[in-house]
Amino acid sequence: MLGPGKLTEALGITDQHNGLPLDTAPIALHVRAKKPDIVTGLRIGITKAVELPWRYGLKGSKSSASRFDGQA
């Protein structure tokens, strides 16, 4: 599972959340206490703009589809 499927799985979002407003319970959005450590990476399987960092992730996250360059 990749992309939006991984994101919803990591956030615990299920079909029961479909159609719910994003600004009321059970969904809650919070401001981070500190700036997150974001890593970037190149996409594979594309032919245009291949040099751009189209992949973004939270450093060390287990929810990333694959490791980013330099990420253990």
C-alpha atoms as a PDB file:
ATOM      1  CA  MET A   1       0.000   0.000   0.000  1.00  0.00           C
ATOM      2  CA  LEU A   2       1.394   3.394  -0.993  1.00  0.00           C
ATOM      3  CA  GLY A   3       0.501   7.076  -0.946  1.00  0.00           C
ATOM      4  CA  PRO A   4      -2.860   8.046   0.553  1.00  0.00           C
ATOM      5  CA  GLY A   5      -3.448   4.503   1.801  1.00  0.00           C
ATOM      6  CA  LYS A   6      -0.273   4.615   3.907  1.00  0.00           C
ATOM      7  CA  LEU A   7      -1.156   8.081   5.202  1.00  0.00           C
ATOM      8  CA  THR A   8      -4.660   7.100   6.311  1.00  0.00           C
ATOM      9  CA  GLU A   9      -3.350   3.887   7.867  1.00  0.00           C
ATOM     10  CA  ALA A  10      -0.716   5.829   9.828  1.00  0.00           C
ATOM     11  CA  LEU A  11      -3.386   8.273  11.032  1.00  0.00           C
ATOM     12  CA  GLY A  12      -5.856   5.518  11.936  1.00  0.00           C
ATOM     13  CA  ILE A  13      -8.434   6.785   9.440  1.00  0.00           C
ATOM     14  CA  THR A  14     -10.997   4.205   8.325  1.00  0.00           C
ATOM     15  CA  ASP A  15     -14.126   4.100   6.156  1.00  0.00           C
ATOM     16  CA  GLN A  16     -16.082   5.195   9.246  1.00  0.00           C
ATOM     17  CA  HIS A  17     -14.418   8.631   8.947  1.00  0.00           C
ATOM     18  CA  ASN A  18     -15.523   9.140   5.341  1.00  0.00           C
ATOM     19  CA  GLY A  19     -17.551  12.350   4.967  1.00  0.00           C
ATOM     20  CA  LEU A  20     -16.864  13.650   8.484  1.00  0.00           C
ATOM     21  CA  PRO A  21     -15.912  17.328   8.855  1.00  0.00           C
ATOM     22  CA  LEU A  22     -12.220  17.975   9.535  1.00  0.00           C
ATOM     23  CA  ASP A  23     -12.853  20.566  12.262  1.00  0.00           C
ATOM     24  CA  THR A  24     -14.904  18.556  14.765  1.00  0.00           C
ATOM     25  CA  ALA A  25     -14.461  15.368  16.827  1.00  0.00           C
ATOM     26  CA  PRO A  26     -13.327  12.680  16.342  1.00  0.00           C
ATOM     27  CA  ILE A  27     -10.850  14.443  14.054  1.00  0.00           C
ATOM     28  CA  ALA A  28      -8.471  16.939  15.659  1.00  0.00           C
ATOM     29  CA  LEU A  29      -5.749  19.039  14.062  1.00  0.00           C
ATOM     30  CA  HIS A  30      -2.975  20.386  16.283  1.00  0.00           C
ATOM     31  CA  VAL A  31      -0.080  22.786  15.827  1.00  0.00           C
ATOM     32  CA  ARG A  32       3.296  21.125  16.348  1.00  0.00           C
ATOM     33  CA  ALA A  33       5.357  22.229  19.335  1.00  0.00           C
ATOM     34  CA  LYS A  34       8.510  22.302  17.185  1.00  0.00           C
ATOM     35  CA  LYS A  35       9.380  22.250  13.507  1.00  0.00           C
ATOM     36  CA  PRO A  36       9.357  18.677  12.134  1.00  0.00           C
ATOM     37  CA  ASP A  37      12.470  17.198  10.499  1.00  0.00           C
ATOM     38  CA  ILE A  38      11.329  16.750   6.875  1.00  0.00           C
ATOM     39  CA  VAL A  39      13.339  14.704   4.370  1.00  0.00           C
ATOM     40  CA  THR A  40      12.968  14.803   0.589  1.00  0.00           C
ATOM     41  CA  GLY A  41      13.674  12.354  -2.167  1.00  0.00           C
ATOM     42  CA  LEU A  42      13.433  11.890  -5.897  1.00  0.00           C
ATOM     43  CA  ARG A  43      10.540  10.042  -7.547  1.00  0.00           C
ATOM     44  CA  ILE A  44      11.157   7.025  -9.709  1.00  0.00           C
ATOM     45  CA  GLY A  45       9.122   6.008 -12.713  1.00  0.00           C
ATOM     46  CA  ILE A  46       8.545   9.540 -14.028  1.00  0.00           C
ATOM     47  CA  THR A  47      10.035  11.130 -17.147  1.00  0.00           C
ATOM     48  CA  LYS A  48       9.596  14.861 -16.509  1.00  0.00           C
ATOM     49  CA  ALA A  49      11.153  16.926 -13.716  1.00  0.00           C
ATOM     50  CA  VAL A  50      12.963  13.834 -12.415  1.00  0.00           C
ATOM     51  CA  GLU A  51      15.538  16.022 -10.631  1.00  0.00           C
ATOM     52  CA  LEU A  52      12.914  17.633  -8.359  1.00  0.00           C
ATOM     53  CA  PRO A  53      12.261  16.343  -4.822  1.00  0.00           C
ATOM     54  CA  TRP A  54       8.676  15.095  -5.320  1.00  0.00           C
ATOM     55  CA  ARG A  55       8.770  12.872  -2.223  1.00  0.00           C
ATOM     56  CA  TYR A  56       8.495  14.297   1.285  1.00  0.00           C
ATOM     57  CA  GLY A  57       8.453  12.525   4.611  1.00  0.00           C
ATOM     58  CA  LEU A  58       9.058  12.805   8.310  1.00  0.00           C
ATOM     59  CA  LYS A  59      12.616  11.734   9.106  1.00  0.00           C
ATOM     60  CA  GLY A  60      12.644   8.326  10.786  1.00  0.00           C
ATOM     61  CA  SER A  61       8.956   7.640  10.146  1.00  0.00           C
ATOM     62  CA  LYS A  62       8.004   3.985   9.862  1.00  0.00           C
ATOM     63  CA  SER A  63       5.129   5.007   7.589  1.00  0.00           C
ATOM     64  CA  SER A  64       7.349   5.919   4.648  1.00  0.00           C
ATOM     65  CA  ALA A  65       6.888   3.638   1.637  1.00  0.00           C
ATOM     66  CA  SER A  66      10.663   3.379   1.334  1.00  0.00           C
ATOM     67  CA  ARG A  67      13.713   5.030   2.819  1.00  0.00           C
ATOM     68  CA  PHE A  68      14.833   8.431   1.658  1.00  0.00           C
ATOM     69  CA  ASP A  69      18.453   9.129   0.685  1.00  0.00           C
ATOM     70  CA  GLY A  70      20.542   9.320   3.826  1.00  0.00           C
ATOM     71  CA  GLN A  71      17.777   7.994   6.051  1.00  0.00           C
ATOM     72  CA  ALA A  72      18.552   4.873   8.078  1.00  0.00           C
END
